[in-house]
């Protein structure tokens, strides 16, 4: 790739990135208006818009719609026959409990099924605003909104600090009015921060991930009222990173893919370190040009980022090696 081609690709990526941010902003704004008018909630409107495009068919994959009780699912199977048992993957789509669906992640599941030669079962779990904790079981959520990646990537689409706080509050049924207290760290007692610093402290993040800018923030004194409402975050169902060593050490081998321009990057790095410190085998890939949600562009010809293919290839390679 020559210099001019590289510059063109970079400019194109920025334009598509901004287009994605603008599209979400417009949909989110319209959703907020409909929410104020009590027509529907913002998440419901955004999900409706995201589900409008027709699903793309993949000739090498057989897709079946199923239900487990009242929960919708999609089963993806390679069309090619085999005499051997295939690996099975249970897939829970992203979106922070407010966005995403079986449709928005259809392309990922098809490609994952094809590249890993595995059977994929995608679960259409119940979402906000009707369903909150503990109905939705999501991945790790930090207790610290001032980690290096939160500071560096707070305005990066497709997951800004504002959006993740919205998801965080909605999922845990916490009033957004506590935003200031949470960002200042006054929602938890000093002894709690100290107890979990060995696992969650910024000193566990390698220095190379702090070069884009990181300023340690002193936490303010405890806000008792904020603590009473937000202490649910100390439930390990919400924050698996704070589970005891006896629990974490029993976890199976893991494949972790982190993205540089993702507010959740440091959650991945802390999880990786926690597992490795306890002797759990970890395969780790870091995407220097990746951002949160980039994998969802895998099937979008007009909004495709090459990074998404590298992520899928890494995951498929890991699955084949199990």
C-alpha atoms as a PDB file:
ATOM      1  CA  UNK A   1       0.000   0.000   0.000  1.00  0.00           C
ATOM      2  CA  UNK A   2       1.534   3.346  -1.030  1.00  0.00           C
ATOM      3  CA  UNK A   3       1.256   6.590   0.919  1.00  0.00           C
ATOM      4  CA  UNK A   4      -1.623   8.054  -1.111  1.00  0.00           C
ATOM      5  CA  UNK A   5      -3.623   4.841  -0.854  1.00  0.00           C
ATOM      6  CA  UNK A   6      -3.026   4.711   2.887  1.00  0.00           C
ATOM      7  CA  UNK A   7      -4.168   8.314   3.323  1.00  0.00           C
ATOM      8  CA  UNK A   8      -7.266   7.672   1.192  1.00  0.00           C
ATOM      9  CA  UNK A   9      -8.167   4.598   3.239  1.00  0.00           C
ATOM     10  CA  UNK A  10      -7.655   6.514   6.474  1.00  0.00           C
ATOM     11  CA  UNK A  11      -9.873   9.387   5.316  1.00  0.00           C
ATOM     12  CA  UNK A  12     -12.515   6.910   4.146  1.00  0.00           C
ATOM     13  CA  UNK A  13     -12.453   5.177   7.545  1.00  0.00           C
ATOM     14  CA  UNK A  14     -12.921   8.518   9.323  1.00  0.00           C
ATOM     15  CA  UNK A  15     -15.849   9.428   7.055  1.00  0.00           C
ATOM     16  CA  UNK A  16     -17.556   6.082   7.669  1.00  0.00           C
ATOM     17  CA  UNK A  17     -16.855   6.378  11.397  1.00  0.00           C
ATOM     18  CA  UNK A  18     -18.461   9.823  11.475  1.00  0.00           C
ATOM     19  CA  UNK A  19     -21.362   8.551   9.408  1.00  0.00           C
ATOM     20  CA  UNK A  20     -21.987   5.808  11.973  1.00  0.00           C
ATOM     21  CA  UNK A  21     -21.828   8.345  14.802  1.00  0.00           C
ATOM     22  CA  UNK A  22     -24.216  10.705  12.983  1.00  0.00           C
ATOM     23  CA  UNK A  23     -26.642   7.893  12.177  1.00  0.00           C
ATOM     24  CA  UNK A  24     -26.769   6.770  15.806  1.00  0.00           C
ATOM     25  CA  UNK A  25     -27.066  10.378  17.018  1.00  0.00           C
ATOM     26  CA  UNK A  26     -30.054  11.058  14.728  1.00  0.00           C
ATOM     27  CA  UNK A  27     -31.769   7.797  15.656  1.00  0.00           C
ATOM     28  CA  UNK A  28     -31.037   8.379  19.316  1.00  0.00           C
ATOM     29  CA  UNK A  29     -32.403  11.925  19.140  1.00  0.00           C
ATOM     30  CA  UNK A  30     -35.603  10.783  17.423  1.00  0.00           C
ATOM     31  CA  UNK A  31     -35.892   8.008  19.983  1.00  0.00           C
ATOM     32  CA  UNK A  32     -35.583  10.521  22.814  1.00  0.00           C
ATOM     33  CA  UNK A  33     -38.362  12.620  21.237  1.00  0.00           C
ATOM     34  CA  UNK A  34     -40.654   9.594  20.940  1.00  0.00           C
ATOM     35  CA  UNK A  35     -39.796   8.688  24.540  1.00  0.00           C
ATOM     36  CA  UNK A  36     -40.770  12.173  25.736  1.00  0.00           C
ATOM     37  CA  UNK A  37     -44.041  11.865  23.797  1.00  0.00           C
ATOM     38  CA  UNK A  38     -44.558   8.438  25.435  1.00  0.00           C
ATOM     39  CA  UNK A  39     -44.887   6.748  22.045  1.00  0.00           C
ATOM     40  CA  UNK A  40     -42.055   4.305  22.714  1.00  0.00           C
ATOM     41  CA  UNK A  41     -38.732   4.232  24.521  1.00  0.00           C
ATOM     42  CA  UNK A  42     -35.496   5.411  22.885  1.00  0.00           C
ATOM     43  CA  UNK A  43     -33.954   1.890  22.893  1.00  0.00           C
ATOM     44  CA  UNK A  44     -37.082   0.399  21.314  1.00  0.00           C
ATOM     45  CA  UNK A  45     -37.045   2.975  18.497  1.00  0.00           C
ATOM     46  CA  UNK A  46     -33.315   2.565  17.784  1.00  0.00           C
ATOM     47  CA  UNK A  47     -33.650  -1.240  17.735  1.00  0.00           C
ATOM     48  CA  UNK A  48     -36.616  -0.934  15.374  1.00  0.00           C
ATOM     49  CA  UNK A  49     -34.578   1.190  12.929  1.00  0.00           C
ATOM     50  CA  UNK A  50     -31.534  -1.096  13.161  1.00  0.00           C
ATOM     51  CA  UNK A  51     -33.691  -4.147  12.409  1.00  0.00           C
ATOM     52  CA  UNK A  52     -35.221  -2.670   9.221  1.00  0.00           C
ATOM     53  CA  UNK A  53     -32.543  -3.811   6.679  1.00  0.00           C
ATOM     54  CA  UNK A  54     -33.252  -7.302   5.274  1.00  0.00           C
ATOM     55  CA  UNK A  55     -31.035 -10.153   6.420  1.00  0.00           C
ATOM     56  CA  UNK A  56     -28.286 -11.139   4.009  1.00  0.00           C
ATOM     57  CA  UNK A  57     -28.276 -14.805   2.990  1.00  0.00           C
ATOM     58  CA  UNK A  58     -25.071 -16.818   3.218  1.00  0.00           C
ATOM     59  CA  UNK A  59     -25.059 -19.789   0.816  1.00  0.00           C
ATOM     60  CA  UNK A  60     -22.758 -21.887   3.019  1.00  0.00           C
ATOM     61  CA  UNK A  61     -24.815 -21.532   6.196  1.00  0.00           C
ATOM     62  CA  UNK A  62     -28.225 -22.971   7.153  1.00  0.00           C
ATOM     63  CA  UNK A  63     -30.204 -20.738   9.531  1.00  0.00           C
ATOM     64  CA  UNK A  64     -33.193 -21.845  11.633  1.00  0.00           C
ATOM     65  CA  UNK A  65     -35.424 -19.747  13.891  1.00  0.00           C
ATOM     66  CA  UNK A  66     -36.085 -21.421  17.234  1.00  0.00           C
ATOM     67  CA  UNK A  67     -37.566 -20.612  20.626  1.00  0.00           C
ATOM     68  CA  UNK A  68     -36.537 -21.645  24.103  1.00  0.00           C
ATOM     69  CA  UNK A  69     -39.768 -20.999  25.967  1.00  0.00           C
ATOM     70  CA  UNK A  70     -40.525 -17.393  25.063  1.00  0.00           C
ATOM     71  CA  UNK A  71     -36.939 -16.474  24.153  1.00  0.00           C
ATOM     72  CA  UNK A  72     -36.234 -16.312  20.382  1.00  0.00           C
ATOM     73  CA  UNK A  73     -33.054 -17.874  19.028  1.00  0.00           C
ATOM     74  CA  UNK A  74     -31.299 -18.449  15.723  1.00  0.00           C
ATOM     75  CA  UNK A  75     -29.380 -21.633  14.966  1.00  0.00           C
ATOM     76  CA  UNK A  76     -26.550 -21.415  12.416  1.00  0.00           C
ATOM     77  CA  UNK A  77     -25.104 -24.602  10.910  1.00  0.00           C
ATOM     78  CA  UNK A  78     -22.542 -25.109   8.131  1.00  0.00           C
ATOM     79  CA  UNK A  79     -24.286 -26.467   5.059  1.00  0.00           C
ATOM     80  CA  UNK A  80     -21.455 -28.895   4.289  1.00  0.00           C
ATOM     81  CA  UNK A  81     -21.973 -32.321   5.830  1.00  0.00           C
ATOM     82  CA  UNK A  82     -19.455 -33.878   8.196  1.00  0.00           C
ATOM     83  CA  UNK A  83     -19.015 -37.193   9.995  1.00  0.00           C
ATOM     84  CA  UNK A  84     -17.460 -35.494  13.032  1.00  0.00           C
ATOM     85  CA  UNK A  85     -19.003 -33.537  15.844  1.00  0.00           C
ATOM     86  CA  UNK A  86     -18.719 -29.798  15.386  1.00  0.00           C
ATOM     87  CA  UNK A  87     -17.918 -27.257  18.125  1.00  0.00           C
ATOM     88  CA  UNK A  88     -20.893 -25.404  19.558  1.00  0.00           C
ATOM     89  CA  UNK A  89     -20.994 -21.669  20.265  1.00  0.00           C
ATOM     90  CA  UNK A  90     -23.650 -19.911  22.349  1.00  0.00           C
ATOM     91  CA  UNK A  91     -23.651 -16.306  21.114  1.00  0.00           C
ATOM     92  CA  UNK A  92     -24.959 -13.362  23.158  1.00  0.00           C
ATOM     93  CA  UNK A  93     -25.006 -10.178  21.083  1.00  0.00           C
ATOM     94  CA  UNK A  94     -23.649  -6.870  22.356  1.00  0.00           C
ATOM     95  CA  UNK A  95     -25.392  -3.561  22.796  1.00  0.00           C
ATOM     96  CA  UNK A  96     -25.283  -2.826  26.516  1.00  0.00           C
ATOM     97  CA  UNK A  97     -28.768  -4.215  27.101  1.00  0.00           C
ATOM     98  CA  UNK A  98     -30.433  -1.464  25.046  1.00  0.00           C
ATOM     99  CA  UNK A  99     -29.176  -1.983  21.487  1.00  0.00           C
ATOM    100  CA  UNK A 100     -28.526  -4.973  19.271  1.00  0.00           C
ATOM    101  CA  UNK A 101     -30.679  -7.923  18.282  1.00  0.00           C
ATOM    102  CA  UNK A 102     -30.578 -11.249  16.478  1.00  0.00           C
ATOM    103  CA  UNK A 103     -30.856  -9.305  13.219  1.00  0.00           C
ATOM    104  CA  UNK A 104     -28.060  -6.796  13.830  1.00  0.00           C
ATOM    105  CA  UNK A 105     -25.614  -9.601  14.625  1.00  0.00           C
ATOM    106  CA  UNK A 106     -26.816 -12.014  11.941  1.00  0.00           C
ATOM    107  CA  UNK A 107     -23.796 -11.340   9.729  1.00  0.00           C
ATOM    108  CA  UNK A 108     -21.354 -11.989  12.573  1.00  0.00           C
ATOM    109  CA  UNK A 109     -23.015 -15.308  13.391  1.00  0.00           C
ATOM    110  CA  UNK A 110     -23.037 -16.435   9.748  1.00  0.00           C
ATOM    111  CA  UNK A 111     -19.366 -15.608   9.275  1.00  0.00           C
ATOM    112  CA  UNK A 112     -18.403 -17.130  12.617  1.00  0.00           C
ATOM    113  CA  UNK A 113     -20.256 -20.329  11.729  1.00  0.00           C
ATOM    114  CA  UNK A 114     -18.588 -20.543   8.321  1.00  0.00           C
ATOM    115  CA  UNK A 115     -15.029 -19.649   9.359  1.00  0.00           C
ATOM    116  CA  UNK A 116     -14.919 -21.775  12.515  1.00  0.00           C
ATOM    117  CA  UNK A 117     -16.951 -24.668  11.056  1.00  0.00           C
ATOM    118  CA  UNK A 118     -19.034 -24.570  14.218  1.00  0.00           C
ATOM    119  CA  UNK A 119     -22.712 -24.588  15.134  1.00  0.00           C
ATOM    120  CA  UNK A 120     -23.745 -21.187  16.503  1.00  0.00           C
ATOM    121  CA  UNK A 121     -26.790 -20.602  18.694  1.00  0.00           C
ATOM    122  CA  UNK A 122     -27.653 -16.891  18.995  1.00  0.00           C
ATOM    123  CA  UNK A 123     -29.869 -15.920  21.924  1.00  0.00           C
ATOM    124  CA  UNK A 124     -32.383 -13.060  21.651  1.00  0.00           C
ATOM    125  CA  UNK A 125     -32.332 -12.275  25.365  1.00  0.00           C
ATOM    126  CA  UNK A 126     -34.807  -9.840  26.896  1.00  0.00           C
ATOM    127  CA  UNK A 127     -33.677  -6.227  26.967  1.00  0.00           C
ATOM    128  CA  UNK A 128     -34.296  -2.816  28.462  1.00  0.00           C
ATOM    129  CA  UNK A 129     -36.351  -0.864  29.253  1.00  0.00           C
ATOM    130  CA  UNK A 130     -38.760  -3.643  30.191  1.00  0.00           C
ATOM    131  CA  UNK A 131     -36.096  -5.987  31.532  1.00  0.00           C
ATOM    132  CA  UNK A 132     -33.264  -4.995  33.849  1.00  0.00           C
ATOM    133  CA  UNK A 133     -30.881  -6.747  36.246  1.00  0.00           C
ATOM    134  CA  UNK A 134     -30.935  -9.627  37.010  1.00  0.00           C
ATOM    135  CA  UNK A 135     -32.867 -10.602  33.855  1.00  0.00           C
ATOM    136  CA  UNK A 136     -30.061  -9.517  31.545  1.00  0.00           C
ATOM    137  CA  UNK A 137     -26.784 -11.268  32.278  1.00  0.00           C
ATOM    138  CA  UNK A 138     -24.050  -9.250  30.604  1.00  0.00           C
ATOM    139  CA  UNK A 139     -20.258  -9.276  30.517  1.00  0.00           C
ATOM    140  CA  UNK A 140     -17.991  -7.429  32.934  1.00  0.00           C
ATOM    141  CA  UNK A 141     -18.729  -3.826  33.926  1.00  0.00           C
ATOM    142  CA  UNK A 142     -15.991  -1.901  35.759  1.00  0.00           C
ATOM    143  CA  UNK A 143     -16.536   0.069  38.926  1.00  0.00           C
ATOM    144  CA  UNK A 144     -14.223   2.807  37.637  1.00  0.00           C
ATOM    145  CA  UNK A 145     -15.222   5.351  34.954  1.00  0.00           C
ATOM    146  CA  UNK A 146     -11.808   7.053  35.179  1.00  0.00           C
ATOM    147  CA  UNK A 147      -9.557   4.253  33.904  1.00  0.00           C
ATOM    148  CA  UNK A 148      -7.150   5.143  31.043  1.00  0.00           C
ATOM    149  CA  UNK A 149      -9.441   3.796  28.315  1.00  0.00           C
ATOM    150  CA  UNK A 150     -12.475   5.616  29.727  1.00  0.00           C
ATOM    151  CA  UNK A 151     -10.563   8.902  29.681  1.00  0.00           C
ATOM    152  CA  UNK A 152      -8.995   8.385  26.247  1.00  0.00           C
ATOM    153  CA  UNK A 153     -12.075   7.078  24.450  1.00  0.00           C
ATOM    154  CA  UNK A 154     -14.972   8.827  26.197  1.00  0.00           C
ATOM    155  CA  UNK A 155     -16.054  10.552  22.961  1.00  0.00           C
ATOM    156  CA  UNK A 156     -15.353   7.700  20.543  1.00  0.00           C
ATOM    157  CA  UNK A 157     -18.298   6.245  18.614  1.00  0.00           C
ATOM    158  CA  UNK A 158     -19.966   3.789  18.753  1.00  0.00           C
ATOM    159  CA  UNK A 159     -19.737   3.628  22.551  1.00  0.00           C
ATOM    160  CA  UNK A 160     -19.179   6.980  24.220  1.00  0.00           C
ATOM    161  CA  UNK A 161     -18.956   7.559  27.947  1.00  0.00           C
ATOM    162  CA  UNK A 162     -22.455   9.072  27.864  1.00  0.00           C
ATOM    163  CA  UNK A 163     -23.932   6.010  26.162  1.00  0.00           C
ATOM    164  CA  UNK A 164     -22.215   3.507  28.423  1.00  0.00           C
ATOM    165  CA  UNK A 165     -23.414   5.425  31.484  1.00  0.00           C
ATOM    166  CA  UNK A 166     -26.945   5.378  30.047  1.00  0.00           C
ATOM    167  CA  UNK A 167     -26.693   1.597  29.573  1.00  0.00           C
ATOM    168  CA  UNK A 168     -25.154   1.169  33.025  1.00  0.00           C
ATOM    169  CA  UNK A 169     -27.945   3.083  34.748  1.00  0.00           C
ATOM    170  CA  UNK A 170     -30.701   1.438  32.749  1.00  0.00           C
ATOM    171  CA  UNK A 171     -29.397  -2.086  33.272  1.00  0.00           C
ATOM    172  CA  UNK A 172     -28.970  -1.651  37.028  1.00  0.00           C
ATOM    173  CA  UNK A 173     -32.077   0.533  37.425  1.00  0.00           C
ATOM    174  CA  UNK A 174     -30.000   3.384  38.876  1.00  0.00           C
ATOM    175  CA  UNK A 175     -31.028   7.030  38.520  1.00  0.00           C
ATOM    176  CA  UNK A 176     -28.841   8.939  36.015  1.00  0.00           C
ATOM    177  CA  UNK A 177     -28.854  11.802  38.521  1.00  0.00           C
ATOM    178  CA  UNK A 178     -25.942  10.053  40.272  1.00  0.00           C
ATOM    179  CA  UNK A 179     -23.689  10.594  37.232  1.00  0.00           C
ATOM    180  CA  UNK A 180     -21.493  13.194  38.942  1.00  0.00           C
ATOM    181  CA  UNK A 181     -21.004  11.052  42.051  1.00  0.00           C
ATOM    182  CA  UNK A 182     -20.123   7.980  39.987  1.00  0.00           C
ATOM    183  CA  UNK A 183     -17.649   9.815  37.762  1.00  0.00           C
ATOM    184  CA  UNK A 184     -15.973  11.273  40.852  1.00  0.00           C
ATOM    185  CA  UNK A 185     -15.837   7.856  42.545  1.00  0.00           C
ATOM    186  CA  UNK A 186     -17.824   8.998  45.580  1.00  0.00           C
ATOM    187  CA  UNK A 187     -20.468   6.300  45.128  1.00  0.00           C
ATOM    188  CA  UNK A 188     -18.307   3.679  46.839  1.00  0.00           C
ATOM    189  CA  UNK A 189     -16.508   3.763  50.214  1.00  0.00           C
ATOM    190  CA  UNK A 190     -12.739   4.218  50.245  1.00  0.00           C
ATOM    191  CA  UNK A 191     -12.291   0.739  51.745  1.00  0.00           C
ATOM    192  CA  UNK A 192     -14.113  -0.825  48.780  1.00  0.00           C
ATOM    193  CA  UNK A 193     -11.868   0.958  46.265  1.00  0.00           C
ATOM    194  CA  UNK A 194      -8.828  -0.123  48.257  1.00  0.00           C
ATOM    195  CA  UNK A 195     -10.032  -3.733  48.535  1.00  0.00           C
ATOM    196  CA  UNK A 196     -10.377  -4.161  44.791  1.00  0.00           C
ATOM    197  CA  UNK A 197      -7.473  -1.956  43.681  1.00  0.00           C
ATOM    198  CA  UNK A 198      -5.229  -5.023  43.419  1.00  0.00           C
ATOM    199  CA  UNK A 199      -7.460  -6.198  40.567  1.00  0.00           C
ATOM    200  CA  UNK A 200      -8.977  -3.010  39.153  1.00  0.00           C
ATOM    201  CA  UNK A 201      -6.365  -0.315  39.796  1.00  0.00           C
ATOM    202  CA  UNK A 202      -4.837   1.564  36.859  1.00  0.00           C
ATOM    203  CA  UNK A 203      -1.409   0.249  37.892  1.00  0.00           C
ATOM    204  CA  UNK A 204      -2.527  -3.090  36.408  1.00  0.00           C
ATOM    205  CA  UNK A 205      -2.769  -1.488  32.955  1.00  0.00           C
ATOM    206  CA  UNK A 206       0.545  -1.588  31.010  1.00  0.00           C
ATOM    207  CA  UNK A 207       2.116   1.846  30.544  1.00  0.00           C
ATOM    208  CA  UNK A 208       1.959   1.648  26.751  1.00  0.00           C
ATOM    209  CA  UNK A 209      -1.831   1.940  26.996  1.00  0.00           C
ATOM    210  CA  UNK A 210      -1.547   5.220  28.907  1.00  0.00           C
ATOM    211  CA  UNK A 211       0.518   7.092  26.314  1.00  0.00           C
ATOM    212  CA  UNK A 212      -2.484   8.651  24.572  1.00  0.00           C
ATOM    213  CA  UNK A 213      -3.253  10.501  27.770  1.00  0.00           C
ATOM    214  CA  UNK A 214      -4.166   9.503  31.288  1.00  0.00           C
ATOM    215  CA  UNK A 215      -4.505  11.649  34.398  1.00  0.00           C
ATOM    216  CA  UNK A 216      -5.148   9.863  37.722  1.00  0.00           C
ATOM    217  CA  UNK A 217      -8.212  11.375  39.398  1.00  0.00           C
ATOM    218  CA  UNK A 218      -8.535  11.637  43.162  1.00  0.00           C
ATOM    219  CA  UNK A 219     -11.815  10.230  44.406  1.00  0.00           C
ATOM    220  CA  UNK A 220     -14.101  12.430  46.440  1.00  0.00           C
ATOM    221  CA  UNK A 221     -15.464  11.506  49.906  1.00  0.00           C
ATOM    222  CA  UNK A 222     -18.285   8.989  50.072  1.00  0.00           C
ATOM    223  CA  UNK A 223     -21.761  10.107  49.080  1.00  0.00           C
ATOM    224  CA  UNK A 224     -23.904   7.877  51.309  1.00  0.00           C
ATOM    225  CA  UNK A 225     -27.083   8.327  49.273  1.00  0.00           C
ATOM    226  CA  UNK A 226     -25.287   7.448  46.023  1.00  0.00           C
ATOM    227  CA  UNK A 227     -23.764   4.373  47.656  1.00  0.00           C
ATOM    228  CA  UNK A 228     -27.136   3.093  48.868  1.00  0.00           C
ATOM    229  CA  UNK A 229     -28.517   3.202  45.323  1.00  0.00           C
ATOM    230  CA  UNK A 230     -25.449   2.011  43.401  1.00  0.00           C
ATOM    231  CA  UNK A 231     -24.006  -0.678  45.695  1.00  0.00           C
ATOM    232  CA  UNK A 232     -25.713  -3.308  43.522  1.00  0.00           C
ATOM    233  CA  UNK A 233     -22.650  -3.042  41.272  1.00  0.00           C
ATOM    234  CA  UNK A 234     -20.736  -5.029  43.897  1.00  0.00           C
ATOM    235  CA  UNK A 235     -22.782  -8.088  42.965  1.00  0.00           C
ATOM    236  CA  UNK A 236     -20.396 -10.391  41.067  1.00  0.00           C
ATOM    237  CA  UNK A 237     -23.160 -11.019  38.530  1.00  0.00           C
ATOM    238  CA  UNK A 238     -22.566  -7.407  37.448  1.00  0.00           C
ATOM    239  CA  UNK A 239     -18.810  -7.269  38.051  1.00  0.00           C
ATOM    240  CA  UNK A 240     -17.206 -10.700  37.557  1.00  0.00           C
ATOM    241  CA  UNK A 241     -13.752  -9.144  37.913  1.00  0.00           C
ATOM    242  CA  UNK A 242     -14.266  -8.813  41.670  1.00  0.00           C
ATOM    243  CA  UNK A 243     -15.147 -12.473  42.180  1.00  0.00           C
ATOM    244  CA  UNK A 244     -12.907 -14.404  44.585  1.00  0.00           C
ATOM    245  CA  UNK A 245      -9.773 -16.161  43.325  1.00  0.00           C
ATOM    246  CA  UNK A 246     -11.387 -19.542  44.019  1.00  0.00           C
ATOM    247  CA  UNK A 247     -14.069 -18.719  41.449  1.00  0.00           C
ATOM    248  CA  UNK A 248     -11.993 -17.022  38.744  1.00  0.00           C
ATOM    249  CA  UNK A 249      -9.298 -19.720  38.843  1.00  0.00           C
ATOM    250  CA  UNK A 250     -11.886 -22.299  37.752  1.00  0.00           C
ATOM    251  CA  UNK A 251     -12.742 -20.475  34.521  1.00  0.00           C
ATOM    252  CA  UNK A 252     -11.876 -22.216  31.236  1.00  0.00           C
ATOM    253  CA  UNK A 253      -9.302 -21.156  28.667  1.00  0.00           C
ATOM    254  CA  UNK A 254     -10.237 -17.790  27.190  1.00  0.00           C
ATOM    255  CA  UNK A 255      -9.828 -15.843  23.960  1.00  0.00           C
ATOM    256  CA  UNK A 256      -9.855 -12.078  24.512  1.00  0.00           C
ATOM    257  CA  UNK A 257      -9.852  -9.453  21.771  1.00  0.00           C
ATOM    258  CA  UNK A 258      -9.364  -5.848  22.867  1.00  0.00           C
ATOM    259  CA  UNK A 259      -9.662  -2.704  20.739  1.00  0.00           C
ATOM    260  CA  UNK A 260      -7.534   0.393  21.259  1.00  0.00           C
ATOM    261  CA  UNK A 261     -10.351   2.892  20.693  1.00  0.00           C
ATOM    262  CA  UNK A 262     -12.851   1.290  23.067  1.00  0.00           C
ATOM    263  CA  UNK A 263     -13.849   2.597  26.490  1.00  0.00           C
ATOM    264  CA  UNK A 264     -14.008  -1.046  27.589  1.00  0.00           C
ATOM    265  CA  UNK A 265     -10.439  -1.772  26.471  1.00  0.00           C
ATOM    266  CA  UNK A 266      -9.083  -1.717  30.018  1.00  0.00           C
ATOM    267  CA  UNK A 267     -11.797  -4.093  31.221  1.00  0.00           C
ATOM    268  CA  UNK A 268     -10.383  -6.612  28.744  1.00  0.00           C
ATOM    269  CA  UNK A 269      -6.800  -5.964  29.910  1.00  0.00           C
ATOM    270  CA  UNK A 270      -7.743  -6.308  33.586  1.00  0.00           C
ATOM    271  CA  UNK A 271      -9.677  -9.510  32.878  1.00  0.00           C
ATOM    272  CA  UNK A 272      -6.706 -10.900  30.931  1.00  0.00           C
ATOM    273  CA  UNK A 273      -4.296 -10.142  33.780  1.00  0.00           C
ATOM    274  CA  UNK A 274      -6.636 -11.564  36.407  1.00  0.00           C
ATOM    275  CA  UNK A 275      -6.955 -14.858  34.518  1.00  0.00           C
ATOM    276  CA  UNK A 276      -3.227 -15.140  33.784  1.00  0.00           C
ATOM    277  CA  UNK A 277      -2.291 -14.372  37.404  1.00  0.00           C
ATOM    278  CA  UNK A 278      -4.428 -17.340  38.443  1.00  0.00           C
ATOM    279  CA  UNK A 279      -2.964 -19.701  35.858  1.00  0.00           C
ATOM    280  CA  UNK A 280      -5.864 -19.648  33.389  1.00  0.00           C
ATOM    281  CA  UNK A 281      -4.639 -19.877  29.813  1.00  0.00           C
ATOM    282  CA  UNK A 282      -5.434 -16.791  27.703  1.00  0.00           C
ATOM    283  CA  UNK A 283      -5.142 -16.132  23.977  1.00  0.00           C
ATOM    284  CA  UNK A 284      -5.081 -12.364  23.508  1.00  0.00           C
ATOM    285  CA  UNK A 285      -5.332 -10.202  20.411  1.00  0.00           C
ATOM    286  CA  UNK A 286      -5.214  -6.414  20.457  1.00  0.00           C
ATOM    287  CA  UNK A 287      -6.522  -4.380  17.536  1.00  0.00           C
ATOM    288  CA  UNK A 288      -4.612  -1.100  17.305  1.00  0.00           C
ATOM    289  CA  UNK A 289      -7.146   0.238  14.796  1.00  0.00           C
ATOM    290  CA  UNK A 290     -10.205  -1.277  16.435  1.00  0.00           C
ATOM    291  CA  UNK A 291     -13.109   0.436  18.196  1.00  0.00           C
ATOM    292  CA  UNK A 292     -16.133  -0.777  20.122  1.00  0.00           C
ATOM    293  CA  UNK A 293     -18.628  -2.544  17.875  1.00  0.00           C
ATOM    294  CA  UNK A 294     -16.322  -2.750  14.858  1.00  0.00           C
ATOM    295  CA  UNK A 295     -17.131  -6.454  14.433  1.00  0.00           C
ATOM    296  CA  UNK A 296     -20.704  -5.549  13.483  1.00  0.00           C
ATOM    297  CA  UNK A 297     -19.383  -4.011  10.249  1.00  0.00           C
ATOM    298  CA  UNK A 298     -18.219  -7.433   8.998  1.00  0.00           C
ATOM    299  CA  UNK A 299     -21.196  -7.721   6.633  1.00  0.00           C
ATOM    300  CA  UNK A 300     -21.628  -4.042   5.717  1.00  0.00           C
ATOM    301  CA  UNK A 301     -20.191  -3.341   2.298  1.00  0.00           C
ATOM    302  CA  UNK A 302     -20.692   0.425   2.685  1.00  0.00           C
ATOM    303  CA  UNK A 303     -19.468   0.567   6.291  1.00  0.00           C
ATOM    304  CA  UNK A 304     -16.853  -2.190   6.423  1.00  0.00           C
ATOM    305  CA  UNK A 305     -13.647  -1.959   8.454  1.00  0.00           C
ATOM    306  CA  UNK A 306     -10.872  -4.533   7.689  1.00  0.00           C
ATOM    307  CA  UNK A 307     -10.259  -4.850  11.431  1.00  0.00           C
ATOM    308  CA  UNK A 308     -13.552  -6.757  11.737  1.00  0.00           C
ATOM    309  CA  UNK A 309     -12.222  -9.595   9.549  1.00  0.00           C
ATOM    310  CA  UNK A 310      -9.047  -9.873  11.610  1.00  0.00           C
ATOM    311  CA  UNK A 311     -11.100 -10.174  14.793  1.00  0.00           C
ATOM    312  CA  UNK A 312     -13.330 -12.867  13.317  1.00  0.00           C
ATOM    313  CA  UNK A 313     -10.325 -14.779  11.962  1.00  0.00           C
ATOM    314  CA  UNK A 314      -8.666 -14.704  15.393  1.00  0.00           C
ATOM    315  CA  UNK A 315     -11.780 -16.010  17.138  1.00  0.00           C
ATOM    316  CA  UNK A 316     -12.387 -18.699  14.514  1.00  0.00           C
ATOM    317  CA  UNK A 317      -8.751 -19.855  14.772  1.00  0.00           C
ATOM    318  CA  UNK A 318      -9.099 -20.113  18.541  1.00  0.00           C
ATOM    319  CA  UNK A 319     -12.297 -22.156  18.311  1.00  0.00           C
ATOM    320  CA  UNK A 320     -10.790 -24.556  15.782  1.00  0.00           C
ATOM    321  CA  UNK A 321      -7.872 -25.133  18.126  1.00  0.00           C
ATOM    322  CA  UNK A 322      -9.980 -26.192  21.094  1.00  0.00           C
END
